[in-house]
Amino acid sequence: MTKILITGSKGQLGTEIKELSAKFSNLQFFFTDIEELDISSLDAISNYLKDKQISYIVNCAAYTNVDQAEENEDAARLINADAVKNLATAASQNNITLIHISTDYVFSGDNSTPYTEDQKAKPMGVYGRTKFEGEENVRSTCKKHIIIRTSWLYSPFGKNFLKTMLRLGKEKDSLGVVSDQIGTPTYAHDLASAIIRIIESIDKNSKFNDFGTYHYSNEGVCSWYDFATEIQNTSKNKCKINSIESMDFQCLAKRPHYSVLNKSKIKHIFTIEIPHWRSRIEHCIKRITE
């Protein structure tokens, strides 16, 4: 039986993997968060792995508060870069494949066409910079790795844009949402399914050697304004969404104006079908309201 360690299992993606895990009797999952496993300690990771015969580590742990990271760079680096180095080191020492989740915020947003995996990273803030440092730590330390960059993650769990818009849509008559930041929402349920698909694909192919960096988000392109409008329409909230510019919305960290990810590689290598972002909002909202 294939054994998989999930770190950061109480976050959005980790929780979605946990929800799906019962459907895969051929896979055994070990779900950990800070209480069970402190990934900032290499010794703690090494001790945890002893005698478990883990084949895959999926690292869902991250410092994701983009604005707070600007004032807490050390804390962001500890989780997003240093702890990732520990996981990569332990994975390499134990012949484990490391699947690490990264972000569209490693890019500057200067593109006008979707970013491919080989385009140069140029993060604008602490969050993106520490996440890219984490990527580099994986590449330099662990040969058997899959880095998955994703964007605009949402789910029924934790804090995210969709849940915030649902709440505010009930509380307010109108909301201003930026329309000049372009990207793609990603339903964490779909990303979790893709990760399990990747693990099963590697498991079935003893000669698999397509390790490296991949991009995954839902299909399509939109602004945060478009996303918010679709959320209100789907939930039938009467709240009016007004278009504003980034300069009208004050926040500590700069966001990329364009961070659409090209997903050709992950679709081709792992034969993954990716749903359009609009079609997944209703699925998520239904789970929240039920």
Protein backbone atom coordinates (compact mmCIF):
# COMPACT_ATOMS: atom_id res chain seq x y z
CA MET A 1 0.00 0.00 0.00
CA THR A 2 1.28 3.46 -0.93
CA LYS A 3 1.80 5.64 2.13
CA ILE A 4 1.44 9.41 1.92
CA LEU A 5 2.30 12.06 4.50
CA ILE A 6 0.25 15.27 4.32
CA THR A 7 1.68 18.32 6.12
CA GLY A 8 -0.47 21.35 6.85
CA SER A 9 -3.49 19.06 6.85
CA LYS A 10 -5.79 21.54 8.62
CA GLY A 11 -5.53 24.10 5.82
CA GLN A 12 -7.85 24.30 2.81
CA LEU A 13 -5.97 21.89 0.57
CA GLY A 14 -5.03 19.45 3.32
CA THR A 15 -8.65 19.28 4.45
CA GLU A 16 -9.83 18.63 0.89
CA ILE A 17 -7.33 15.79 0.52
CA LYS A 18 -8.62 14.38 3.82
CA GLU A 19 -12.21 14.57 2.53
CA LEU A 20 -11.21 12.63 -0.61
CA SER A 21 -8.92 10.12 1.08
CA ALA A 22 -11.67 7.67 2.08
CA LYS A 23 -12.32 6.95 -1.61
CA PHE A 24 -8.82 5.54 -2.14
CA SER A 25 -8.45 2.20 -0.33
CA ASN A 26 -5.10 1.61 -2.09
CA LEU A 27 -3.58 4.67 -0.40
CA GLN A 28 -2.76 5.18 3.28
CA PHE A 29 -2.63 8.79 4.44
CA PHE A 30 -0.90 10.30 7.47
CA PHE A 31 -2.45 13.71 8.17
CA THR A 32 -0.32 16.08 10.24
CA ASP A 33 -0.33 19.71 11.24
CA ILE A 34 1.88 21.65 13.65
CA GLU A 35 0.52 19.71 16.66
CA GLU A 36 1.62 16.35 15.23
CA LEU A 37 4.70 17.40 13.27
CA ASP A 38 6.81 20.56 13.49
CA ILE A 39 8.30 20.83 9.99
CA SER A 40 10.60 23.64 11.12
CA SER A 41 12.63 20.85 12.80
CA LEU A 42 14.52 18.41 10.58
CA ASP A 43 14.95 16.07 13.55
CA ALA A 44 11.19 16.04 14.15
CA ILE A 45 10.55 15.14 10.50
CA SER A 46 13.23 12.42 10.48
CA ASN A 47 11.85 10.90 13.69
CA TYR A 48 8.30 10.96 12.35
CA LEU A 49 9.30 9.16 9.14
CA LYS A 50 11.08 6.33 10.98
CA ASP A 51 9.58 2.89 10.26
CA LYS A 52 6.55 4.34 8.41
CA GLN A 53 7.80 3.59 4.88
CA ILE A 54 6.34 6.81 3.47
CA SER A 55 6.50 7.04 -0.35
CA TYR A 56 5.18 10.60 -0.80
CA ILE A 57 5.13 13.82 1.19
CA VAL A 58 2.54 16.39 0.09
CA ASN A 59 3.45 19.73 1.66
CA CYS A 60 0.31 21.84 2.09
CA ALA A 61 1.79 23.88 4.94
CA ALA A 62 2.41 27.55 4.18
CA TYR A 63 2.38 31.06 5.61
CA THR A 64 -0.28 32.48 3.29
CA ASN A 65 -1.28 35.85 4.76
CA VAL A 66 0.16 38.02 2.00
CA ASP A 67 -0.10 41.34 3.85
CA GLN A 68 1.03 40.08 7.26
CA ALA A 69 4.09 38.55 5.60
CA GLU A 70 5.31 42.07 4.80
CA GLU A 71 5.64 42.72 8.55
CA ASN A 72 6.60 39.16 9.57
CA GLU A 73 9.24 38.16 7.05
CA ASP A 74 11.08 35.82 9.44
CA ALA A 75 7.89 33.92 10.26
CA ALA A 76 6.96 33.65 6.56
CA ARG A 77 10.47 32.44 5.64
CA LEU A 78 10.48 29.84 8.42
CA ILE A 79 7.39 28.09 7.00
CA ASN A 80 7.66 28.90 3.29
CA ALA A 81 11.40 28.33 2.81
CA ASP A 82 13.31 26.89 5.80
CA ALA A 83 10.75 24.21 6.71
CA VAL A 84 10.47 23.28 3.03
CA LYS A 85 14.25 22.74 2.96
CA ASN A 86 13.83 20.35 5.92
CA LEU A 87 11.10 18.39 4.13
CA ALA A 88 13.19 18.23 0.95
CA THR A 89 16.23 17.02 2.91
CA ALA A 90 14.24 14.32 4.71
CA ALA A 91 12.55 13.27 1.46
CA SER A 92 15.91 12.96 -0.31
CA GLN A 93 17.45 10.98 2.56
CA ASN A 94 14.52 8.52 2.58
CA ASN A 95 13.95 8.23 -1.21
CA ILE A 96 10.54 9.91 -0.87
CA THR A 97 8.84 11.90 -3.63
CA LEU A 98 8.04 15.42 -2.40
CA ILE A 99 4.99 17.21 -3.80
CA HIS A 100 5.22 20.86 -2.78
CA ILE A 101 2.52 23.50 -3.30
CA SER A 102 3.61 26.95 -4.47
CA THR A 103 1.94 30.05 -5.84
CA ASP A 104 1.33 32.38 -8.79
CA TYR A 105 2.77 35.15 -6.59
CA VAL A 106 6.29 34.07 -7.59
CA PHE A 107 5.62 36.07 -10.79
CA SER A 108 5.68 39.86 -11.19
CA GLY A 109 2.44 40.08 -13.18
CA ASP A 110 4.07 41.81 -16.16
CA ASN A 111 2.91 39.14 -18.63
CA SER A 112 -0.10 39.43 -20.92
CA THR A 113 -0.19 35.70 -21.75
CA PRO A 114 -0.36 32.79 -19.27
CA TYR A 115 2.87 32.05 -17.41
CA THR A 116 4.66 28.81 -18.29
CA GLU A 117 6.70 26.87 -15.75
CA ASP A 118 10.05 27.89 -17.26
CA GLN A 119 9.43 31.64 -17.23
CA LYS A 120 11.54 33.66 -14.84
CA ALA A 121 10.13 34.19 -11.36
CA LYS A 122 10.12 37.76 -10.12
CA PRO A 123 8.14 38.01 -6.87
CA MET A 124 7.06 41.46 -5.73
CA GLY A 125 6.55 40.85 -2.01
CA VAL A 126 7.68 38.80 0.97
CA TYR A 127 5.07 36.08 0.46
CA GLY A 128 6.04 35.44 -3.16
CA ARG A 129 9.74 35.75 -2.40
CA THR A 130 9.70 33.26 0.48
CA LYS A 131 7.56 30.84 -1.55
CA PHE A 132 10.08 31.02 -4.41
CA GLU A 133 12.92 30.42 -1.93
CA GLY A 134 11.03 27.31 -0.87
CA GLU A 135 10.79 26.16 -4.49
CA GLU A 136 14.55 26.65 -4.96
CA ASN A 137 15.23 24.69 -1.77
CA VAL A 138 13.22 21.79 -3.16
CA ARG A 139 14.98 21.88 -6.54
CA SER A 140 18.47 21.97 -5.03
CA THR A 141 17.84 19.32 -2.36
CA CYS A 142 15.39 16.68 -3.59
CA LYS A 143 15.63 15.15 -7.08
CA LYS A 144 12.26 13.40 -6.87
CA HIS A 145 9.99 16.41 -6.56
CA ILE A 146 6.82 17.87 -8.05
CA ILE A 147 6.28 21.59 -7.41
CA ILE A 148 2.71 22.71 -8.17
CA ARG A 149 2.08 26.43 -8.48
CA THR A 150 -1.56 27.35 -8.00
CA SER A 151 -3.65 30.52 -7.64
CA TRP A 152 -6.62 32.08 -5.83
CA LEU A 153 -7.41 28.96 -3.77
CA TYR A 154 -10.88 28.61 -2.24
CA SER A 155 -12.90 25.87 -0.52
CA PRO A 156 -15.57 25.41 2.17
CA PHE A 157 -12.75 25.42 4.75
CA GLY A 158 -10.62 28.09 6.41
CA LYS A 159 -10.43 31.70 5.24
CA ASN A 160 -10.69 32.51 1.54
CA PHE A 161 -12.14 35.02 -0.90
CA LEU A 162 -15.27 33.04 -1.74
CA LYS A 163 -16.29 32.63 1.90
CA THR A 164 -15.56 36.29 2.62
CA MET A 165 -17.72 37.37 -0.35
CA LEU A 166 -20.56 35.10 0.80
CA ARG A 167 -20.47 36.62 4.28
CA LEU A 168 -20.18 40.23 3.14
CA GLY A 169 -22.79 39.65 0.44
CA LYS A 170 -25.32 38.94 3.19
CA GLU A 171 -24.21 41.83 5.38
CA LYS A 172 -23.83 44.65 2.84
CA ASP A 173 -25.82 46.25 0.03
CA SER A 174 -22.71 46.87 -2.09
CA LEU A 175 -19.00 46.01 -2.22
CA GLY A 176 -16.02 47.38 -4.12
CA VAL A 177 -13.77 44.70 -5.64
CA VAL A 178 -10.66 45.22 -7.77
CA SER A 179 -11.09 44.60 -11.50
CA ASP A 180 -7.47 45.20 -12.62
CA GLN A 181 -5.92 42.05 -11.10
CA ILE A 182 -6.35 39.13 -13.48
CA GLY A 183 -5.88 35.45 -12.67
CA THR A 184 -7.84 32.23 -12.14
CA PRO A 185 -9.68 30.92 -9.07
CA THR A 186 -8.77 27.37 -8.02
CA TYR A 187 -11.22 25.11 -6.22
CA ALA A 188 -9.09 23.26 -3.65
CA HIS A 189 -11.23 20.13 -4.16
CA ASP A 190 -10.07 19.98 -7.80
CA LEU A 191 -6.42 20.54 -6.90
CA ALA A 192 -6.64 17.80 -4.24
CA SER A 193 -8.04 15.41 -6.86
CA ALA A 194 -5.22 16.33 -9.24
CA ILE A 195 -2.58 15.65 -6.56
CA ILE A 196 -3.98 12.16 -5.91
CA ARG A 197 -4.09 11.58 -9.69
CA ILE A 198 -0.41 12.56 -9.91
CA ILE A 199 0.54 10.16 -7.10
CA GLU A 200 -1.33 7.30 -8.77
CA SER A 201 0.28 8.12 -12.14
CA ILE A 202 3.80 8.06 -10.69
CA ASP A 203 3.00 4.86 -8.78
CA LYS A 204 1.91 3.07 -11.97
CA ASN A 205 4.98 4.13 -13.96
CA SER A 206 8.20 2.63 -12.59
CA LYS A 207 10.16 4.63 -15.18
CA PHE A 208 8.55 7.99 -14.33
CA ASN A 209 11.10 10.77 -14.64
CA ASP A 210 9.05 13.91 -15.33
CA PHE A 211 9.87 15.50 -12.00
CA GLY A 212 9.90 19.29 -11.84
CA THR A 213 7.54 22.28 -11.74
CA TYR A 214 3.91 22.29 -12.86
CA HIS A 215 1.02 24.76 -12.90
CA TYR A 216 -2.54 24.02 -11.79
CA SER A 217 -5.57 26.28 -11.51
CA ASN A 218 -9.06 25.91 -12.85
CA GLU A 219 -9.54 26.80 -16.52
CA GLY A 220 -10.45 30.31 -17.66
CA VAL A 221 -9.46 33.85 -16.77
CA CYS A 222 -11.14 36.52 -14.64
CA SER A 223 -10.63 39.49 -12.34
CA TRP A 224 -11.43 39.49 -8.63
CA TYR A 225 -14.44 41.63 -9.61
CA ASP A 226 -15.65 38.92 -12.03
CA PHE A 227 -15.10 36.25 -9.37
CA ALA A 228 -17.03 38.24 -6.74
CA THR A 229 -19.89 38.93 -9.16
CA GLU A 230 -20.20 35.24 -10.01
CA ILE A 231 -20.20 34.32 -6.30
CA GLN A 232 -23.06 36.75 -5.57
CA ASN A 233 -25.05 35.62 -8.62
CA THR A 234 -24.64 31.94 -7.77
CA SER A 235 -25.54 32.45 -4.11
CA LYS A 236 -28.45 34.73 -5.10
CA ASN A 237 -27.26 37.45 -2.74
CA LYS A 238 -28.61 40.89 -3.65
CA CYS A 239 -25.32 42.65 -2.87
CA LYS A 240 -24.12 44.87 -5.75
CA ILE A 241 -20.45 44.42 -6.73
CA ASN A 242 -18.74 47.63 -7.87
CA SER A 243 -15.55 47.66 -9.90
CA ILE A 244 -12.59 49.48 -8.31
CA GLU A 245 -8.87 49.77 -9.16
CA SER A 246 -6.03 48.34 -7.09
CA MET A 247 -4.91 51.85 -6.10
CA ASP A 248 -8.32 52.38 -4.45
CA PHE A 249 -7.81 49.33 -2.23
CA GLN A 250 -5.04 49.94 0.27
CA CYS A 251 -3.01 46.91 1.37
CA LEU A 252 0.58 46.30 2.48
CA ALA A 253 1.67 43.89 -0.24
CA LYS A 254 1.73 44.45 -3.99
CA ARG A 255 -0.23 41.88 -5.99
CA PRO A 256 0.59 40.79 -9.54
CA HIS A 257 -1.78 42.46 -12.03
CA TYR A 258 -1.74 39.35 -14.23
CA SER A 259 -0.95 35.88 -12.92
CA VAL A 260 -2.78 33.43 -15.18
CA LEU A 261 -0.98 30.08 -15.25
CA ASN A 262 -0.43 27.96 -18.36
CA LYS A 263 -1.53 24.40 -17.51
CA SER A 264 -0.58 22.56 -20.73
CA LYS A 265 2.25 20.62 -19.06
CA ILE A 266 0.25 19.11 -16.19
CA LYS A 267 -2.63 18.21 -18.53
CA HIS A 268 -0.26 16.51 -20.98
CA ILE A 269 2.02 14.62 -18.54
CA PHE A 270 -0.71 13.43 -16.15
CA THR A 271 -3.75 13.46 -18.53
CA ILE A 272 -5.66 15.65 -16.11
CA GLU A 273 -8.93 17.28 -17.17
CA ILE A 274 -9.42 20.67 -15.53
CA PRO A 275 -12.89 22.19 -15.00
CA HIS A 276 -13.65 25.84 -15.76
CA TRP A 277 -13.66 28.13 -12.74
CA ARG A 278 -17.29 29.26 -13.22
CA SER A 279 -18.61 25.69 -13.10
CA ARG A 280 -17.05 24.96 -9.69
CA ILE A 281 -18.41 27.85 -7.62
CA GLU A 282 -21.86 26.29 -7.30
CA HIS A 283 -20.35 22.97 -6.12
CA CYS A 284 -18.42 24.75 -3.37
CA ILE A 285 -21.31 26.97 -2.25
CA LYS A 286 -23.62 23.95 -2.08
CA ARG A 287 -21.18 22.20 0.26
CA ILE A 288 -21.00 25.31 2.48
CA THR A 289 -24.77 25.79 2.70
CA GLU A 290 -25.49 22.10 3.27
